[in-house]
C-alpha cells in the first residue's frame, strides 16, 4: 500500500489529479494509514495508467467512467467496448474535418493579407471577420 504522493510519482501525475479522480469517483483509496493518510494498492496504479492512456486516445473522464463500468460488468463483452471506441473515433474524425476546414479558411485569409504595412482598417482578415458577422446578422433578421 502506498500514499497518494507515491501513487502520483509512480503514475507520473500530480496529487491534485488523483484527488480530482477521487472526487469524480474514478479512483478510491484501499484504506487509511494509522495517521489517517489515504492508501492505494497496485490496482489504483493500474487504474490511473488506464485513465491516462484512454485520455491520450481522446476519451473524456465521463467516457472513461463508462469504460471502467463496462469492465466491471460480467455481462459486458469486447463488442461493447469496441462500440464506444468506434463512436470516439467518429467524433475525432469529425473534429479533424472541422479543424482542416478552419485551417483552409485561415490559409485563404492569410493569402489575402500580403501587405504588412497596410493599416488595420484595411486588413483583409479583420474585414472578412466583420463581413462574416454582418452576413450572419443580416441572415438572422
Protein backbone atom coordinates (compact mmCIF):
# COMPACT_ATOMS: atom_id res chain seq x y z
CA UNK A 1 0.00 0.00 0.00
CA UNK A 2 1.27 3.47 -0.93
CA UNK A 3 0.31 7.06 -0.18
CA UNK A 4 -1.21 9.42 -2.70
CA UNK A 5 2.15 11.13 -3.18
CA UNK A 6 3.88 7.89 -4.08
CA UNK A 7 1.00 6.87 -6.34
CA UNK A 8 1.27 10.23 -8.11
CA UNK A 9 5.01 9.74 -8.60
CA UNK A 10 4.60 6.19 -9.93
CA UNK A 11 1.78 7.23 -12.27
CA UNK A 12 3.51 10.46 -13.35
CA UNK A 13 0.54 12.65 -12.41
CA UNK A 14 0.02 15.27 -9.73
CA UNK A 15 -1.62 14.59 -6.40
CA UNK A 16 -4.25 17.16 -7.41
CA UNK A 17 -5.08 14.97 -10.42
CA UNK A 18 -5.52 11.96 -8.16
CA UNK A 19 -7.72 13.93 -5.77
CA UNK A 20 -9.80 15.03 -8.75
CA UNK A 21 -10.14 11.40 -9.88
CA UNK A 22 -11.30 10.56 -6.36
CA UNK A 23 -13.93 13.32 -6.43
CA UNK A 24 -15.07 12.06 -9.83
CA UNK A 25 -15.27 8.52 -8.38
CA UNK A 26 -12.75 7.13 -10.84
CA UNK A 27 -10.35 6.19 -8.08
CA UNK A 28 -10.75 5.28 -4.45
CA UNK A 29 -8.27 4.52 -1.72
CA UNK A 30 -7.99 0.97 -0.43
CA UNK A 31 -7.71 2.13 3.14
CA UNK A 32 -6.12 4.58 5.53
CA UNK A 33 -2.90 4.55 7.47
CA UNK A 34 -2.84 4.88 11.25
CA UNK A 35 -2.02 8.55 10.64
CA UNK A 36 -5.16 8.99 8.52
CA UNK A 37 -3.41 9.10 5.14
CA UNK A 38 -5.25 7.53 2.22
CA UNK A 39 -3.51 4.40 0.97
CA UNK A 40 -3.66 2.94 -2.51
CA UNK A 41 -2.85 -0.51 -3.86
CA UNK A 42 -1.44 -1.76 -7.17
CA UNK A 43 -4.93 -1.72 -8.71
CA UNK A 44 -5.07 2.06 -8.20
CA UNK A 45 -1.84 2.48 -10.15
CA UNK A 46 -3.18 0.28 -12.95
CA UNK A 47 -6.42 2.29 -12.99
CA UNK A 48 -4.63 5.65 -13.17
CA UNK A 49 -2.48 4.40 -16.05
CA UNK A 50 -5.65 3.14 -17.77
CA UNK A 51 -7.26 6.58 -17.35
CA UNK A 52 -4.22 8.40 -18.74
CA UNK A 53 -3.96 6.06 -21.75
CA UNK A 54 -7.67 6.42 -22.51
CA UNK A 55 -7.33 10.22 -22.27
CA UNK A 56 -4.48 10.08 -24.80
CA UNK A 57 -6.93 8.35 -27.15
CA UNK A 58 -9.36 11.24 -26.73
CA UNK A 59 -11.77 9.77 -24.18
CA UNK A 60 -13.26 12.18 -21.67
CA UNK A 61 -13.44 11.27 -17.99
CA UNK A 62 -17.15 10.54 -18.39
CA UNK A 63 -16.41 8.17 -21.24
CA UNK A 64 -13.61 6.58 -19.24
CA UNK A 65 -16.03 6.08 -16.38
CA UNK A 66 -18.30 4.21 -18.82
CA UNK A 67 -15.37 2.04 -19.95
CA UNK A 68 -14.49 1.23 -16.35
CA UNK A 69 -18.12 0.43 -15.62
CA UNK A 70 -18.23 -1.92 -18.60
CA UNK A 71 -15.08 -3.61 -17.34
CA UNK A 72 -16.78 -4.34 -14.02
CA UNK A 73 -19.93 -5.85 -15.57
CA UNK A 74 -19.99 -9.59 -16.04
CA UNK A 75 -22.49 -9.26 -18.90
CA UNK A 76 -20.31 -6.86 -20.92
CA UNK A 77 -18.18 -8.06 -23.78
CA UNK A 78 -15.48 -6.72 -26.06
CA UNK A 79 -18.03 -5.57 -28.65
CA UNK A 80 -19.44 -3.13 -26.06
CA UNK A 81 -16.02 -1.53 -25.69
CA UNK A 82 -15.49 -1.64 -29.44
CA UNK A 83 -18.72 0.29 -29.97
CA UNK A 84 -17.52 3.05 -27.64
CA UNK A 85 -14.15 3.15 -29.39
CA UNK A 86 -15.83 3.45 -32.79
CA UNK A 87 -18.04 6.30 -31.51
CA UNK A 88 -14.95 8.10 -30.17
CA UNK A 89 -13.08 7.61 -33.46
CA UNK A 90 -16.01 9.07 -35.42
CA UNK A 91 -16.11 12.08 -33.06
CA UNK A 92 -12.38 12.62 -33.51
CA UNK A 93 -12.63 12.34 -37.31
CA UNK A 94 -15.43 14.92 -37.29
CA UNK A 95 -13.27 17.30 -35.25
CA UNK A 96 -10.33 16.72 -37.59
CA UNK A 97 -12.52 17.60 -40.61
CA UNK A 98 -13.73 20.76 -38.85
CA UNK A 99 -10.17 21.76 -37.97
CA UNK A 100 -9.00 21.15 -41.54
CA UNK A 101 -11.80 23.40 -42.78
CA UNK A 102 -10.72 26.09 -40.30
CA UNK A 103 -7.12 25.73 -41.43
CA UNK A 104 -8.13 26.04 -45.09
CA UNK A 105 -10.16 29.16 -44.32
CA UNK A 106 -7.21 30.68 -42.48
CA UNK A 107 -4.92 29.81 -45.42
CA UNK A 108 -7.19 31.81 -47.70
CA UNK A 109 -7.35 34.76 -45.30
CA UNK A 110 -3.58 34.76 -44.84
CA UNK A 111 -3.06 34.66 -48.61
CA UNK A 112 -5.22 37.80 -48.99
CA UNK A 113 -3.19 39.66 -46.36
CA UNK A 114 0.15 40.13 -48.06
CA UNK A 115 0.75 43.83 -47.34
CA UNK A 116 2.25 44.03 -43.85
CA UNK A 117 2.33 47.84 -43.93
CA UNK A 118 -1.41 48.20 -44.59
CA UNK A 119 -3.27 49.95 -41.72
CA UNK A 120 -5.63 47.82 -39.63
CA UNK A 121 -8.75 49.43 -41.11
CA UNK A 122 -7.70 47.87 -44.44
CA UNK A 123 -6.75 44.46 -43.06
CA UNK A 124 -8.50 41.81 -45.20
CA UNK A 125 -8.56 39.29 -42.35
CA UNK A 126 -10.37 41.67 -39.99
CA UNK A 127 -12.64 42.76 -42.84
CA UNK A 128 -13.52 39.12 -43.59
CA UNK A 129 -14.46 38.58 -39.93
CA UNK A 130 -16.57 41.76 -39.99
CA UNK A 131 -18.27 40.70 -43.24
CA UNK A 132 -18.99 37.24 -41.86
CA UNK A 133 -20.62 38.74 -38.76
CA UNK A 134 -22.62 41.19 -40.86
CA UNK A 135 -23.80 38.42 -43.16
CA UNK A 136 -24.79 36.31 -40.17
CA UNK A 137 -26.68 39.20 -38.54
CA UNK A 138 -28.41 40.07 -41.82
CA UNK A 139 -29.46 36.45 -42.34
CA UNK A 140 -30.85 36.28 -38.81
CA UNK A 141 -33.29 39.14 -39.49
